[in-house]
C-alpha atoms as a PDB file:
ATOM      1  CA  MET A   1      32.240 112.402  90.999  1.00  0.00           C
ATOM      2  CA  ALA A   2      36.062 114.313  91.953  1.00  0.00           C
ATOM      3  CA  LYS A   3      38.048 111.407  93.030  1.00  0.00           C
ATOM      4  CA  LYS A   4      39.760 110.730  96.237  1.00  0.00           C
ATOM      5  CA  ARG A   5      43.797 112.327  96.915  1.00  0.00           C
ATOM      6  CA  THR A   6      45.889 109.795  97.420  1.00  0.00           C
ATOM      7  CA  PRO A   7      47.592 110.689 100.269  1.00  0.00           C
ATOM      8  CA  GLN A   8      51.647 111.149  99.249  1.00  0.00           C
ATOM      9  CA  THR A   9      53.636 109.481 101.772  1.00  0.00           C
ATOM     10  CA  VAL A  10      56.626 112.010 103.351  1.00  0.00           C
ATOM     11  CA  ASN A  11      60.308 110.740 103.750  1.00  0.00           C
ATOM     12  CA  VAL A  12      61.220 111.414 107.282  1.00  0.00           C
ATOM     13  CA  GLY A  13      64.909 110.335 106.414  1.00  0.00           C
ATOM     14  CA  ALA A  14      65.785 112.869 104.511  1.00  0.00           C
ATOM     15  CA  TRP A  15      67.452 114.841 105.851  1.00  0.00           C
ATOM     16  CA  LEU A  16      69.705 112.696 106.883  1.00  0.00           C
ATOM     17  CA  ASN A  17      71.113 113.448 103.388  1.00  0.00           C
ATOM     18  CA  THR A  18      72.040 117.396 103.845  1.00  0.00           C
ATOM     19  CA  TYR A  19      73.276 116.355 107.011  1.00  0.00           C
ATOM     20  CA  ALA A  20      75.567 113.742 105.467  1.00  0.00           C
ATOM     21  CA  ASP A  21      76.814 116.428 103.427  1.00  0.00           C
ATOM     22  CA  MET A  22      77.347 118.974 106.043  1.00  0.00           C
ATOM     23  CA  VAL A  23      79.427 116.560 108.111  1.00  0.00           C
ATOM     24  CA  THR A  24      81.719 115.024 104.952  1.00  0.00           C
ATOM     25  CA  LEU A  25      82.113 119.301 103.708  1.00  0.00           C
ATOM     26  CA  ILE A  26      82.917 119.929 107.445  1.00  0.00           C
ATOM     27  CA  LEU A  27      85.471 117.180 107.279  1.00  0.00           C
ATOM     28  CA  THR A  28      86.536 117.986 103.971  1.00  0.00           C
ATOM     29  CA  PHE A  29      87.496 121.450 105.518  1.00  0.00           C
ATOM     30  CA  PHE A  30      88.646 120.476 108.787  1.00  0.00           C
ATOM     31  CA  ILE A  31      91.453 117.937 106.767  1.00  0.00           C
ATOM     32  CA  LEU A  32      92.081 121.145 104.106  1.00  0.00           C
ATOM     33  CA  LEU A  33      93.004 123.401 107.653  1.00  0.00           C
ATOM     34  CA  TYR A  34      95.435 120.757 108.854  1.00  0.00           C
ATOM     35  CA  SER A  35      97.259 120.081 106.403  1.00  0.00           C
ATOM     36  CA  MET A  36      98.000 123.114 106.076  1.00  0.00           C
ATOM     37  CA  SER A  37      99.089 123.190 109.469  1.00  0.00           C
ATOM     38  CA  THR A  38     101.685 120.491 108.751  1.00  0.00           C
ATOM     39  CA  ILE A  39     103.113 121.955 105.023  1.00  0.00           C
ATOM     40  CA  ASN A  40     107.079 121.422 105.726  1.00  0.00           C
ATOM     41  CA  ALA A  41     108.769 124.882 105.571  1.00  0.00           C
ATOM     42  CA  GLN A  42     110.512 124.319 101.954  1.00  0.00           C
ATOM     43  CA  LYS A  43     106.502 124.093 100.906  1.00  0.00           C
ATOM     44  CA  TYR A  44     105.759 126.900 102.119  1.00  0.00           C
ATOM     45  CA  ALA A  45     107.877 129.457 101.203  1.00  0.00           C
ATOM     46  CA  GLN A  46     107.220 128.148  97.465  1.00  0.00           C
ATOM     47  CA  VAL A  47     103.277 128.806  98.091  1.00  0.00           C
ATOM     48  CA  ALA A  48     104.596 132.332  99.860  1.00  0.00           C
ATOM     49  CA  GLU A  49     106.219 133.131  96.760  1.00  0.00           C
ATOM     50  CA  ALA A  50     104.004 132.095  94.754  1.00  0.00           C
ATOM     51  CA  LEU A  51     101.580 134.433  96.196  1.00  0.00           C
ATOM     52  CA  ALA A  52     104.277 137.540  96.086  1.00  0.00           C
ATOM     53  CA  ASN A  53     104.751 136.746  92.259  1.00  0.00           C
ATOM     54  CA  LYS A  54     107.938 136.685  92.510  1.00  0.00           C
ATOM     55  CA  ARG A  55     110.440 135.001  89.661  1.00  0.00           C
ATOM     56  CA  ASN A  56     111.960 132.976  91.690  1.00  0.00           C
ATOM     57  CA  ILE A  57     111.023 130.613  93.977  1.00  0.00           C
ATOM     58  CA  ILE A  58     112.884 129.932  97.336  1.00  0.00           C
ATOM     59  CA  GLU A  59     113.552 127.592  99.568  1.00  0.00           C
ATOM     60  CA  ALA A  60     113.199 128.395 103.360  1.00  0.00           C
ATOM     61  CA  PRO A  61     116.512 127.710 105.427  1.00  0.00           C
ATOM     62  CA  GLU A  62     116.320 124.445 107.777  1.00  0.00           C
ATOM     63  CA  GLY A  63     114.554 126.137 111.152  1.00  0.00           C
ATOM     64  CA  TYR A  64     112.174 127.845 109.354  1.00  0.00           C
ATOM     65  CA  ILE A  65     109.133 127.785 110.930  1.00  0.00           C
ATOM     66  CA  PRO A  66     105.865 129.016 109.007  1.00  0.00           C
ATOM     67  CA  GLY A  67     103.975 132.009 110.912  1.00  0.00           C
ATOM     68  CA  GLY A  68     107.840 132.826 112.341  1.00  0.00           C
ATOM     69  CA  THR A  69     111.177 134.098 111.596  1.00  0.00           C
ATOM     70  CA  PHE A  70     113.933 132.918 109.856  1.00  0.00           C
ATOM     71  CA  PRO A  71     116.870 131.580 111.728  1.00  0.00           C
ATOM     72  CA  ASP A  72     120.376 133.459 112.536  1.00  0.00           C
ATOM     73  CA  GLY A  73     118.182 136.691 111.729  1.00  0.00           C
ATOM     74  CA  GLY A  74     117.250 136.549 108.666  1.00  0.00           C
ATOM     75  CA  TYR A  75     116.776 135.246 105.522  1.00  0.00           C
ATOM     76  CA  ASP A  76     118.234 137.154 102.273  1.00  0.00           C
ATOM     77  CA  SER A  77     116.200 135.924  98.825  1.00  0.00           C
ATOM     78  CA  GLU A  78     118.621 137.748  95.863  1.00  0.00           C
ATOM     79  CA  ASN A  79     122.059 137.924  97.828  1.00  0.00           C
ATOM     80  CA  ASP A  80     121.095 133.987  98.489  1.00  0.00           C
ATOM     81  CA  SER A  81     124.110 132.291  96.211  1.00  0.00           C
ATOM     82  CA  SER A  82     125.480 128.631  95.811  1.00  0.00           C
ATOM     83  CA  SER A  83     129.008 128.889  97.998  1.00  0.00           C
ATOM     84  CA  ALA A  84     129.784 126.533  95.237  1.00  0.00           C
ATOM     85  CA  ASP A  85     129.355 128.976  92.349  1.00  0.00           C
ATOM     86  CA  SER A  86     131.847 131.403  94.531  1.00  0.00           C
ATOM     87  CA  ASP A  87     134.208 128.749  94.756  1.00  0.00           C
ATOM     88  CA  THR A  88     133.923 128.895  90.999  1.00  0.00           C
ATOM     89  CA  GLU A  89     135.038 133.027  90.437  1.00  0.00           C
ATOM     90  CA  ASP A  90     137.531 132.179  93.007  1.00  0.00           C
ATOM     91  CA  GLN A  91     139.250 129.857  91.537  1.00  0.00           C
ATOM     92  CA  GLU A  92     138.942 131.133  88.033  1.00  0.00           C
ATOM     93  CA  SER A  93     140.338 134.189  89.113  1.00  0.00           C
ATOM     94  CA  PHE A  94     143.830 131.781  90.647  1.00  0.00           C
ATOM     95  CA  ASP A  95     143.471 130.460  86.983  1.00  0.00           C
ATOM     96  CA  ILE A  96     144.184 133.658  85.481  1.00  0.00           C
ATOM     97  CA  LEU A  97     147.211 134.222  87.684  1.00  0.00           C
ATOM     98  CA  TYR A  98     148.504 131.092  87.114  1.00  0.00           C
ATOM     99  CA  LYS A  99     148.473 131.143  82.749  1.00  0.00           C
ATOM    100  CA  ILE A 100     149.547 134.642  82.718  1.00  0.00           C
ATOM    101  CA  LEU A 101     152.910 133.620  84.690  1.00  0.00           C
ATOM    102  CA  MET A 102     153.387 130.418  82.510  1.00  0.00           C
ATOM    103  CA  ASN A 103     152.741 132.298  79.075  1.00  0.00           C
ATOM    104  CA  TYR A 104     155.316 134.271  80.636  1.00  0.00           C
ATOM    105  CA  VAL A 105     157.537 131.899  80.920  1.00  0.00           C
ATOM    106  CA  ASN A 106     156.605 129.892  77.822  1.00  0.00           C
ATOM    107  CA  GLU A 107     157.210 133.168  75.478  1.00  0.00           C
ATOM    108  CA  ASN A 108     160.890 134.078  77.463  1.00  0.00           C
ATOM    109  CA  ASN A 109     161.831 130.454  77.275  1.00  0.00           C
ATOM    110  CA  LEU A 110     162.599 130.386  81.559  1.00  0.00           C
ATOM    111  CA  GLN A 111     160.976 127.136  81.353  1.00  0.00           C
ATOM    112  CA  GLY A 112     165.115 126.380  83.349  1.00  0.00           C
ATOM    113  CA  ASP A 113     164.666 128.911  85.782  1.00  0.00           C
ATOM    114  CA  VAL A 114     161.236 129.098  86.933  1.00  0.00           C
ATOM    115  CA  SER A 115     158.822 126.507  87.964  1.00  0.00           C
ATOM    116  CA  VAL A 116     155.054 127.539  88.590  1.00  0.00           C
ATOM    117  CA  GLU A 117     152.615 124.847  90.446  1.00  0.00           C
ATOM    118  CA  LYS A 118     149.030 125.794  91.147  1.00  0.00           C
ATOM    119  CA  THR A 119     146.814 123.496  93.362  1.00  0.00           C
ATOM    120  CA  ASP A 120     142.714 125.133  94.073  1.00  0.00           C
ATOM    121  CA  GLU A 121     144.252 125.929  97.643  1.00  0.00           C
ATOM    122  CA  ALA A 122     147.812 128.441  96.271  1.00  0.00           C
ATOM    123  CA  VAL A 123     149.777 129.251  92.852  1.00  0.00           C
ATOM    124  CA  PHE A 124     153.588 128.309  94.089  1.00  0.00           C
ATOM    125  CA  ILE A 125     156.314 129.950  91.828  1.00  0.00           C
ATOM    126  CA  ARG A 126     160.018 129.116  92.239  1.00  0.00           C
ATOM    127  CA  PHE A 127     163.350 131.501  90.460  1.00  0.00           C
ATOM    128  CA  ARG A 128     166.344 130.407  90.207  1.00  0.00           C
ATOM    129  CA  ASN A 129     167.999 133.840  92.043  1.00  0.00           C
ATOM    130  CA  ASN A 130     169.927 135.134  87.902  1.00  0.00           C
ATOM    131  CA  ILE A 131     166.596 135.630  87.230  1.00  0.00           C
ATOM    132  CA  PHE A 132     166.629 138.028  89.598  1.00  0.00           C
ATOM    133  CA  PHE A 133     170.237 139.377  91.137  1.00  0.00           C
ATOM    134  CA  ASP A 134     174.052 139.361  90.645  1.00  0.00           C
ATOM    135  CA  GLY A 135     176.353 137.785  92.997  1.00  0.00           C
ATOM    136  CA  TYR A 136     176.093 139.315  96.427  1.00  0.00           C
ATOM    137  CA  SER A 137     173.392 141.853  95.677  1.00  0.00           C
ATOM    138  CA  SER A 138     170.061 142.406  96.601  1.00  0.00           C
ATOM    139  CA  GLU A 139     169.591 144.863  93.905  1.00  0.00           C
ATOM    140  CA  LEU A 140     167.070 143.621  91.222  1.00  0.00           C
ATOM    141  CA  LYS A 141     168.078 142.956  87.669  1.00  0.00           C
ATOM    142  CA  GLN A 142     165.893 144.081  85.044  1.00  0.00           C
ATOM    143  CA  SER A 143     165.178 140.857  84.085  1.00  0.00           C
ATOM    144  CA  GLY A 144     163.101 140.666  87.125  1.00  0.00           C
ATOM    145  CA  LYS A 145     161.479 142.738  87.008  1.00  0.00           C
ATOM    146  CA  GLY A 146     160.188 141.653  83.893  1.00  0.00           C
ATOM    147  CA  VAL A 147     159.285 138.649  85.470  1.00  0.00           C
ATOM    148  CA  LEU A 148     157.837 140.480  87.881  1.00  0.00           C
ATOM    149  CA  ASP A 149     155.538 143.097  86.020  1.00  0.00           C
ATOM    150  CA  ALA A 150     154.126 139.933  84.565  1.00  0.00           C
ATOM    151  CA  LEU A 151     153.118 137.956  87.961  1.00  0.00           C
ATOM    152  CA  VAL A 152     151.744 141.721  88.709  1.00  0.00           C
ATOM    153  CA  LEU A 153     149.267 140.888  85.382  1.00  0.00           C
ATOM    154  CA  GLY A 154     148.036 138.185  87.213  1.00  0.00           C
ATOM    155  CA  ILE A 155     148.527 139.285  90.772  1.00  0.00           C
ATOM    156  CA  LYS A 156     146.137 142.337  90.472  1.00  0.00           C
ATOM    157  CA  GLU A 157     143.030 140.128  88.654  1.00  0.00           C
ATOM    158  CA  ALA A 158     142.812 137.890  92.002  1.00  0.00           C
ATOM    159  CA  ASP A 159     143.544 140.388  94.330  1.00  0.00           C
ATOM    160  CA  PRO A 160     140.071 139.869  95.376  1.00  0.00           C
ATOM    161  CA  VAL A 161     140.571 136.128  96.696  1.00  0.00           C
ATOM    162  CA  ILE A 162     143.860 136.711  97.383  1.00  0.00           C
ATOM    163  CA  GLN A 163     145.142 135.643 101.521  1.00  0.00           C
ATOM    164  CA  GLU A 164     148.693 136.445 101.242  1.00  0.00           C
ATOM    165  CA  VAL A 165     151.465 136.687  99.006  1.00  0.00           C
ATOM    166  CA  ILE A 166     154.429 135.157 100.903  1.00  0.00           C
ATOM    167  CA  ILE A 167     158.124 135.814  99.381  1.00  0.00           C
ATOM    168  CA  SER A 168     161.019 133.952 100.483  1.00  0.00           C
ATOM    169  CA  GLY A 169     164.815 133.709  99.612  1.00  0.00           C
ATOM    170  CA  HIS A 170     167.521 131.584  99.732  1.00  0.00           C
ATOM    171  CA  THR A 171     170.987 131.360  99.576  1.00  0.00           C
ATOM    172  CA  ALA A 172     173.977 128.161  99.273  1.00  0.00           C
ATOM    173  CA  MET A 173     176.261 126.930 101.632  1.00  0.00           C
ATOM    174  CA  VAL A 174     179.488 128.141  99.783  1.00  0.00           C
ATOM    175  CA  GLU A 175     182.588 126.504 102.325  1.00  0.00           C
ATOM    176  CA  SER A 176     185.179 129.494 101.109  1.00  0.00           C
ATOM    177  CA  ASP A 177     182.616 132.267 101.254  1.00  0.00           C
ATOM    178  CA  PRO A 178     183.540 133.663 104.727  1.00  0.00           C
ATOM    179  CA  THR A 179     181.320 136.891 104.462  1.00  0.00           C
ATOM    180  CA  ASN A 180     178.479 135.263 106.669  1.00  0.00           C
ATOM    181  CA  ILE A 181     175.839 136.754 105.113  1.00  0.00           C
ATOM    182  CA  ASP A 182     173.319 134.484 104.238  1.00  0.00           C
ATOM    183  CA  ARG A 183     171.032 135.314 106.677  1.00  0.00           C
ATOM    184  CA  SER A 184     170.482 139.036 105.812  1.00  0.00           C
ATOM    185  CA  LEU A 185     171.396 139.006 102.087  1.00  0.00           C
ATOM    186  CA  SER A 186     168.483 136.560 101.507  1.00  0.00           C
ATOM    187  CA  SER A 187     166.586 138.770 103.449  1.00  0.00           C
ATOM    188  CA  ASP A 188     166.940 141.660 101.473  1.00  0.00           C
ATOM    189  CA  ARG A 189     166.142 140.131  98.292  1.00  0.00           C
ATOM    190  CA  ALA A 190     162.901 138.910  99.741  1.00  0.00           C
ATOM    191  CA  ASN A 191     161.993 142.305 100.832  1.00  0.00           C
ATOM    192  CA  ALA A 192     164.010 143.932  97.505  1.00  0.00           C
ATOM    193  CA  VAL A 193     160.527 141.535  95.543  1.00  0.00           C
ATOM    194  CA  LEU A 194     158.139 142.698  97.776  1.00  0.00           C
ATOM    195  CA  MET A 195     159.374 146.057  97.942  1.00  0.00           C
ATOM    196  CA  TYR A 196     158.414 145.879  94.060  1.00  0.00           C
ATOM    197  CA  PHE A 197     154.768 144.492  93.879  1.00  0.00           C
ATOM    198  CA  GLU A 198     154.429 147.116  96.799  1.00  0.00           C
ATOM    199  CA  SER A 199     155.330 149.819  94.105  1.00  0.00           C
ATOM    200  CA  LYS A 200     152.991 148.991  91.738  1.00  0.00           C
ATOM    201  CA  ASN A 201     150.304 149.245  94.152  1.00  0.00           C
ATOM    202  CA  ILE A 202     148.180 146.516  93.552  1.00  0.00           C
ATOM    203  CA  ILE A 203     147.655 144.745  96.643  1.00  0.00           C
ATOM    204  CA  ASP A 204     147.052 145.555 100.257  1.00  0.00           C
ATOM    205  CA  PRO A 205     150.605 146.132 101.576  1.00  0.00           C
ATOM    206  CA  GLN A 206     149.356 143.399 105.318  1.00  0.00           C
ATOM    207  CA  LYS A 207     148.766 140.843 102.354  1.00  0.00           C
ATOM    208  CA  LEU A 208     152.748 140.728 101.521  1.00  0.00           C
ATOM    209  CA  VAL A 209     154.913 138.990 103.833  1.00  0.00           C
ATOM    210  CA  GLY A 210     158.954 139.177 103.495  1.00  0.00           C
ATOM    211  CA  VAL A 211     161.340 136.257 104.742  1.00  0.00           C
ATOM    212  CA  GLY A 212     165.067 135.347 104.574  1.00  0.00           C
ATOM    213  CA  TYR A 213     166.160 131.977 105.031  1.00  0.00           C
ATOM    214  CA  GLY A 214     168.964 132.077 104.367  1.00  0.00           C
ATOM    215  CA  LEU A 215     170.891 128.599 103.826  1.00  0.00           C
ATOM    216  CA  HIS A 216     168.942 126.999 106.134  1.00  0.00           C
ATOM    217  CA  ARG A 217     166.155 125.020 103.464  1.00  0.00           C
ATOM    218  CA  PRO A 218     168.733 123.705 100.004  1.00  0.00           C
ATOM    219  CA  ILE A 219     166.875 121.722  97.840  1.00  0.00           C
ATOM    220  CA  ALA A 220     169.811 119.987  96.103  1.00  0.00           C
ATOM    221  CA  PRO A 221     173.386 119.372  97.634  1.00  0.00           C
ATOM    222  CA  ASN A 222     175.944 121.965  98.257  1.00  0.00           C
ATOM    223  CA  ASP A 223     178.887 120.369  97.184  1.00  0.00           C
ATOM    224  CA  THR A 224     178.043 120.911  93.151  1.00  0.00           C
ATOM    225  CA  ALA A 225     177.423 124.285  91.674  1.00  0.00           C
ATOM    226  CA  GLU A 226     173.952 123.249  90.232  1.00  0.00           C
ATOM    227  CA  GLY A 227     173.161 122.219  92.974  1.00  0.00           C
ATOM    228  CA  ARG A 228     174.368 125.368  94.999  1.00  0.00           C
ATOM    229  CA  ALA A 229     172.905 127.348  91.721  1.00  0.00           C
ATOM    230  CA  GLN A 230     169.132 125.557  92.617  1.00  0.00           C
ATOM    231  CA  ASN A 231     169.612 126.577  96.502  1.00  0.00           C
ATOM    232  CA  ARG A 232     170.130 130.215  95.616  1.00  0.00           C
ATOM    233  CA  ARG A 233     166.273 131.055  94.996  1.00  0.00           C
ATOM    234  CA  VAL A 234     163.495 133.632  95.489  1.00  0.00           C
ATOM    235  CA  GLU A 235     159.656 131.356  96.056  1.00  0.00           C
ATOM    236  CA  ILE A 236     156.412 133.386  96.215  1.00  0.00           C
ATOM    237  CA  TYR A 237     153.826 131.520  97.598  1.00  0.00           C
ATOM    238  CA  ILE A 238     150.323 133.016  96.965  1.00  0.00           C
ATOM    239  CA  SER A 239     146.836 131.620  98.941  1.00  0.00           C
ATOM    240  CA  ARG A 240     144.070 131.533  97.665  1.00  0.00           C
ATOM    241  CA  LYS A 241     141.185 132.901 100.587  1.00  0.00           C
ATOM    242  CA  GLY A 242     138.963 130.067 102.215  1.00  0.00           C
ATOM    243  CA  HIS A 243     141.651 127.270 102.309  1.00  0.00           C
ATOM    244  CA  GLU A 244     145.179 128.059 103.437  1.00  0.00           C
ATOM    245  CA  LYS A 245     145.518 130.117 106.709  1.00  0.00           C
ATOM    246  CA  SER A 246     146.794 132.518 106.586  1.00  0.00           C
ATOM    247  CA  LEU A 247     151.062 132.380 107.988  1.00  0.00           C
ATOM    248  CA  THR A 248     149.944 135.914 109.878  1.00  0.00           C
ATOM    249  CA  GLU A 249     147.045 135.044 111.415  1.00  0.00           C
ATOM    250  CA  HIS A 250     148.171 131.131 112.446  1.00  0.00           C
ATOM    251  CA  ILE A 251     151.483 132.882 114.579  1.00  0.00           C
ATOM    252  CA  TYR A 252     148.346 135.655 115.974  1.00  0.00           C
ATOM    253  CA  ASP A 253     146.350 132.628 117.090  1.00  0.00           C
ATOM    254  CA  ILE A 254     149.258 131.322 118.666  1.00  0.00           C
ATOM    255  CA  LEU A 255     150.152 134.191 121.006  1.00  0.00           C
ATOM    256  CA  SER A 256     146.887 134.983 120.940  1.00  0.00           C
ATOM    257  CA  ASP A 257     146.001 131.459 122.342  1.00  0.00           C
ATOM    258  CA  ARG A 258     149.182 131.785 124.832  1.00  0.00           C
ATOM    259  CA  GLU A 259     148.443 135.394 126.145  1.00  0.00           C
ATOM    260  CA  ASN A 260     144.362 133.567 127.004  1.00  0.00           C
ATOM    261  CA  SER A 261     146.128 131.121 128.643  1.00  0.00           C
ATOM    262  CA  LYS A 262     148.309 133.475 131.178  1.00  0.00           C
ATOM    263  CA  ASP A 263     145.261 135.096 131.635  1.00  0.00           C
ATOM    264  CA  ASP A 264     143.751 132.019 132.764  1.00  0.00           C
ATOM    265  CA  SER A 265     146.379 131.219 135.485  1.00  0.00           C
ATOM    266  CA  THR A 266     146.574 134.213 136.778  1.00  0.00           C
ATOM    267  CA  GLU A 267     143.382 134.493 137.447  1.00  0.00           C
END
């Protein structure tokens, strides 16, 4: 006699398991979409770079919107360099300029006649006149040319980072001197040094400035021979780009501001 089949019970709530799994997956999907939509600009750039199989991971500049455009007209990761690195390279060029001149001064025992100072912004050189010129003369002596030749080597090395070379001539006050040529003599001496630099063709001529102060900027009393010897001097101030403003540009800015003020007042 055949056995009676026992009727199987049907779990009418089983579909809830499938439904719950589906809801969980959908929720996970939307969480993923949300997280992608709120990813910050830096991580977005890193992911994009990684997907493009680049060697270096770049950081998006401030203000970049994923899917949008870069601020200020674009972003070039290959040409993007640290300003600190650039500043270091510029400083190294100035260091070479300083060291070349210092080596020449030390090797030729010119410490008493030539002084050299260096800051991050400039190199300042002071020469006693006896190095460059005879009394009442603006013709460069051979000893002066030797010093300038050493300086030429340094200027040639540092030219790309040089902003301006200001050459100033100075004389001393002598009561017994009736010639009264201090201003013209100091200007002629500054220009003699300037023209020597220009003849070497090692720097843009517009960077060269010659100034004659005459006897009006003494650094020592004129009542002793030693004091007058100190006051008879040539000074060269070499400024570095990005730090000290060009003297010439400063003057132009002042003149431009005055012209603009005149124009505004006539309107």
